Amino acid sequence: MTRRLLLAVLALALITTACNNEDNSIPPVETQDRIIATANTTDDPTMLRVTWFPAPCEAFNGVLVDLDEQYANLTVKVTVDVESCPDLARSEAMVDLGEPLGDREVWDRAFGNTVALDAPPQ
């Protein structure tokens, strides 16, 4: 019984020590993917307007486009940098598909699902 008590005390001491040594340093800059909120067609059949809800401290990098017969596969890329925090709001970008969307569906690679075209913003 004494050994179990000693192990419990040691475990508690380790947990307490770990909690007291929190890392308050600035996290490194990193690239992340965002989930598309809306995708809307434009007068130009090769262009889409996509929106997403940004996280704090992100800057837009671009949208990766990969077209196949069935999908326009899109990935919204951002850089998160806590030392330069823009205002929060829904962000948007014009995406050049390089060719008309045609009958393809829009596939959000970050979310792993299709995006409804021309749906009203929520």
C-alpha atoms as a PDB file:
ATOM      1  CA  MET A   1       0.000   0.000   0.000  1.00  0.00           C
ATOM      2  CA  THR A   2       2.857   2.388   0.782  1.00  0.00           C
ATOM      3  CA  ARG A   3       4.338   1.850  -2.691  1.00  0.00           C
ATOM      4  CA  ARG A   4       1.017   2.825  -4.350  1.00  0.00           C
ATOM      5  CA  LEU A   5       0.836   5.969  -2.231  1.00  0.00           C
ATOM      6  CA  LEU A   6       4.408   6.878  -3.167  1.00  0.00           C
ATOM      7  CA  LEU A   7       3.650   6.369  -6.888  1.00  0.00           C
ATOM      8  CA  ALA A   8       0.522   8.523  -6.594  1.00  0.00           C
ATOM      9  CA  VAL A   9       2.485  11.319  -4.894  1.00  0.00           C
ATOM     10  CA  LEU A  10       5.209  11.144  -7.569  1.00  0.00           C
ATOM     11  CA  ALA A  11       2.608  11.243 -10.364  1.00  0.00           C
ATOM     12  CA  LEU A  12       0.923  14.259  -8.778  1.00  0.00           C
ATOM     13  CA  ALA A  13       4.280  16.001  -8.407  1.00  0.00           C
ATOM     14  CA  LEU A  14       5.095  15.420 -12.077  1.00  0.00           C
ATOM     15  CA  ILE A  15       1.715  16.747 -13.199  1.00  0.00           C
ATOM     16  CA  THR A  16       2.052  19.832 -10.985  1.00  0.00           C
ATOM     17  CA  THR A  17       5.558  20.511 -12.286  1.00  0.00           C
ATOM     18  CA  ALA A  18       4.421  20.130 -15.893  1.00  0.00           C
ATOM     19  CA  CYS A  19       1.592  22.617 -15.348  1.00  0.00           C
ATOM     20  CA  ASN A  20       3.947  25.176 -13.846  1.00  0.00           C
ATOM     21  CA  ASN A  21       6.303  25.042 -16.847  1.00  0.00           C
ATOM     22  CA  GLU A  22       3.858  26.314 -19.474  1.00  0.00           C
ATOM     23  CA  ASP A  23       5.471  27.492 -22.696  1.00  0.00           C
ATOM     24  CA  ASN A  24       4.486  31.132 -23.196  1.00  0.00           C
ATOM     25  CA  SER A  25       6.576  31.584 -26.334  1.00  0.00           C
ATOM     26  CA  ILE A  26       5.065  32.773 -29.602  1.00  0.00           C
ATOM     27  CA  PRO A  27       4.034  29.797 -31.761  1.00  0.00           C
ATOM     28  CA  PRO A  28       5.828  29.435 -35.095  1.00  0.00           C
ATOM     29  CA  VAL A  29       4.324  30.669 -38.337  1.00  0.00           C
ATOM     30  CA  GLU A  30       2.514  27.813 -40.079  1.00  0.00           C
ATOM     31  CA  THR A  31       0.532  27.108 -43.241  1.00  0.00           C
ATOM     32  CA  GLN A  32      -2.971  25.698 -42.785  1.00  0.00           C
ATOM     33  CA  ASP A  33      -5.982  24.721 -44.927  1.00  0.00           C
ATOM     34  CA  ARG A  34      -9.412  26.324 -44.469  1.00  0.00           C
ATOM     35  CA  ILE A  35     -12.882  24.848 -45.018  1.00  0.00           C
ATOM     36  CA  ILE A  36     -14.840  26.607 -47.760  1.00  0.00           C
ATOM     37  CA  ALA A  37     -18.049  28.289 -46.523  1.00  0.00           C
ATOM     38  CA  THR A  38     -19.517  29.202 -49.941  1.00  0.00           C
ATOM     39  CA  ALA A  39     -18.644  28.846 -53.619  1.00  0.00           C
ATOM     40  CA  ASN A  40     -20.324  31.092 -56.175  1.00  0.00           C
ATOM     41  CA  THR A  41     -20.083  31.185 -59.938  1.00  0.00           C
ATOM     42  CA  THR A  42     -19.301  34.451 -61.715  1.00  0.00           C
ATOM     43  CA  ASP A  43     -19.929  35.855 -65.192  1.00  0.00           C
ATOM     44  CA  ASP A  44     -16.611  34.256 -66.186  1.00  0.00           C
ATOM     45  CA  PRO A  45     -17.099  30.452 -66.325  1.00  0.00           C
ATOM     46  CA  THR A  46     -13.443  29.908 -65.366  1.00  0.00           C
ATOM     47  CA  MET A  47     -13.748  31.874 -62.112  1.00  0.00           C
ATOM     48  CA  LEU A  48     -15.359  31.055 -58.741  1.00  0.00           C
ATOM     49  CA  ARG A  49     -15.763  33.222 -55.658  1.00  0.00           C
ATOM     50  CA  VAL A  50     -15.115  31.171 -52.507  1.00  0.00           C
ATOM     51  CA  THR A  51     -15.486  32.286 -48.900  1.00  0.00           C
ATOM     52  CA  TRP A  52     -14.307  30.877 -45.582  1.00  0.00           C
ATOM     53  CA  PHE A  53     -14.253  31.893 -41.933  1.00  0.00           C
ATOM     54  CA  PRO A  54     -10.688  32.820 -41.029  1.00  0.00           C
ATOM     55  CA  ALA A  55      -8.960  31.906 -37.803  1.00  0.00           C
ATOM     56  CA  PRO A  56      -7.231  34.586 -35.752  1.00  0.00           C
ATOM     57  CA  CYS A  57      -3.923  35.833 -37.140  1.00  0.00           C
ATOM     58  CA  GLU A  58      -4.170  34.331 -40.625  1.00  0.00           C
ATOM     59  CA  ALA A  59      -3.196  35.725 -44.002  1.00  0.00           C
ATOM     60  CA  PHE A  60      -4.521  34.360 -47.297  1.00  0.00           C
ATOM     61  CA  ASN A  61      -1.948  32.464 -49.418  1.00  0.00           C
ATOM     62  CA  GLY A  62      -4.054  31.264 -52.325  1.00  0.00           C
ATOM     63  CA  VAL A  63      -6.270  28.431 -53.498  1.00  0.00           C
ATOM     64  CA  LEU A  64      -4.821  25.243 -54.926  1.00  0.00           C
ATOM     65  CA  VAL A  65      -6.868  24.008 -57.895  1.00  0.00           C
ATOM     66  CA  ASP A  66      -6.863  20.466 -59.265  1.00  0.00           C
ATOM     67  CA  LEU A  67      -9.489  19.721 -61.932  1.00  0.00           C
ATOM     68  CA  ASP A  68     -10.620  16.238 -62.865  1.00  0.00           C
ATOM     69  CA  GLU A  69     -13.655  15.083 -64.834  1.00  0.00           C
ATOM     70  CA  GLN A  70     -15.982  15.135 -61.835  1.00  0.00           C
ATOM     71  CA  TYR A  71     -14.595  17.741 -59.436  1.00  0.00           C
ATOM     72  CA  ALA A  72     -12.896  21.093 -59.149  1.00  0.00           C
ATOM     73  CA  ASN A  73     -10.737  20.124 -56.145  1.00  0.00           C
ATOM     74  CA  LEU A  74      -9.965  23.271 -54.135  1.00  0.00           C
ATOM     75  CA  THR A  75      -7.771  23.841 -51.090  1.00  0.00           C
ATOM     76  CA  VAL A  76      -7.762  27.293 -49.437  1.00  0.00           C
ATOM     77  CA  LYS A  77      -4.267  27.910 -48.013  1.00  0.00           C
ATOM     78  CA  VAL A  78      -3.499  30.455 -45.287  1.00  0.00           C
ATOM     79  CA  THR A  79      -0.518  31.353 -43.130  1.00  0.00           C
ATOM     80  CA  VAL A  80      -1.134  31.744 -39.396  1.00  0.00           C
ATOM     81  CA  ASP A  81       1.219  34.236 -37.739  1.00  0.00           C
ATOM     82  CA  VAL A  82       0.277  35.500 -34.273  1.00  0.00           C
ATOM     83  CA  GLU A  83       2.551  38.523 -34.651  1.00  0.00           C
ATOM     84  CA  SER A  84       0.376  39.954 -37.447  1.00  0.00           C
ATOM     85  CA  CYS A  85      -3.310  39.522 -36.624  1.00  0.00           C
ATOM     86  CA  PRO A  86      -5.818  40.876 -39.188  1.00  0.00           C
ATOM     87  CA  ASP A  87      -9.453  41.524 -38.245  1.00  0.00           C
ATOM     88  CA  LEU A  88     -11.798  38.523 -38.125  1.00  0.00           C
ATOM     89  CA  ALA A  89     -14.565  38.217 -40.703  1.00  0.00           C
ATOM     90  CA  ARG A  90     -15.464  35.913 -43.513  1.00  0.00           C
ATOM     91  CA  SER A  91     -12.730  36.048 -46.135  1.00  0.00           C
ATOM     92  CA  GLU A  92     -13.149  35.566 -49.844  1.00  0.00           C
ATOM     93  CA  ALA A  93     -11.031  35.043 -52.925  1.00  0.00           C
ATOM     94  CA  MET A  94     -11.516  34.802 -56.669  1.00  0.00           C
ATOM     95  CA  VAL A  95     -10.306  31.427 -57.935  1.00  0.00           C
ATOM     96  CA  ASP A  96      -9.088  30.990 -61.516  1.00  0.00           C
ATOM     97  CA  LEU A  97      -9.895  27.409 -62.492  1.00  0.00           C
ATOM     98  CA  GLY A  98      -7.971  27.698 -65.740  1.00  0.00           C
ATOM     99  CA  GLU A  99     -10.945  26.332 -67.682  1.00  0.00           C
ATOM    100  CA  PRO A 100     -14.747  26.439 -67.309  1.00  0.00           C
ATOM    101  CA  LEU A 101     -16.228  24.651 -64.291  1.00  0.00           C
ATOM    102  CA  GLY A 102     -18.753  22.934 -66.560  1.00  0.00           C
ATOM    103  CA  ASP A 103     -20.623  20.082 -64.859  1.00  0.00           C
ATOM    104  CA  ARG A 104     -17.996  19.566 -62.170  1.00  0.00           C
ATOM    105  CA  GLU A 105     -18.851  19.800 -58.502  1.00  0.00           C
ATOM    106  CA  VAL A 106     -16.671  21.848 -56.141  1.00  0.00           C
ATOM    107  CA  TRP A 107     -14.752  19.616 -53.720  1.00  0.00           C
ATOM    108  CA  ASP A 108     -13.309  21.160 -50.543  1.00  0.00           C
ATOM    109  CA  ARG A 109     -10.161  19.181 -49.771  1.00  0.00           C
ATOM    110  CA  ALA A 110      -9.840  20.599 -46.236  1.00  0.00           C
ATOM    111  CA  PHE A 111     -13.375  19.484 -45.326  1.00  0.00           C
ATOM    112  CA  GLY A 112     -13.483  16.382 -47.502  1.00  0.00           C
ATOM    113  CA  ASN A 113     -16.873  17.166 -49.013  1.00  0.00           C
ATOM    114  CA  THR A 114     -18.614  19.001 -51.834  1.00  0.00           C
ATOM    115  CA  VAL A 115     -19.562  22.679 -51.598  1.00  0.00           C
ATOM    116  CA  ALA A 116     -22.997  23.818 -52.791  1.00  0.00           C
ATOM    117  CA  LEU A 117     -22.684  26.290 -55.653  1.00  0.00           C
ATOM    118  CA  ASP A 118     -24.426  29.649 -55.422  1.00  0.00           C
ATOM    119  CA  ALA A 119     -25.964  28.923 -52.019  1.00  0.00           C
ATOM    120  CA  PRO A 120     -26.861  32.067 -50.050  1.00  0.00           C
ATOM    121  CA  PRO A 121     -24.284  33.035 -47.374  1.00  0.00           C
ATOM    122  CA  GLN A 122     -25.063  31.860 -43.850  1.00  0.00           C
END
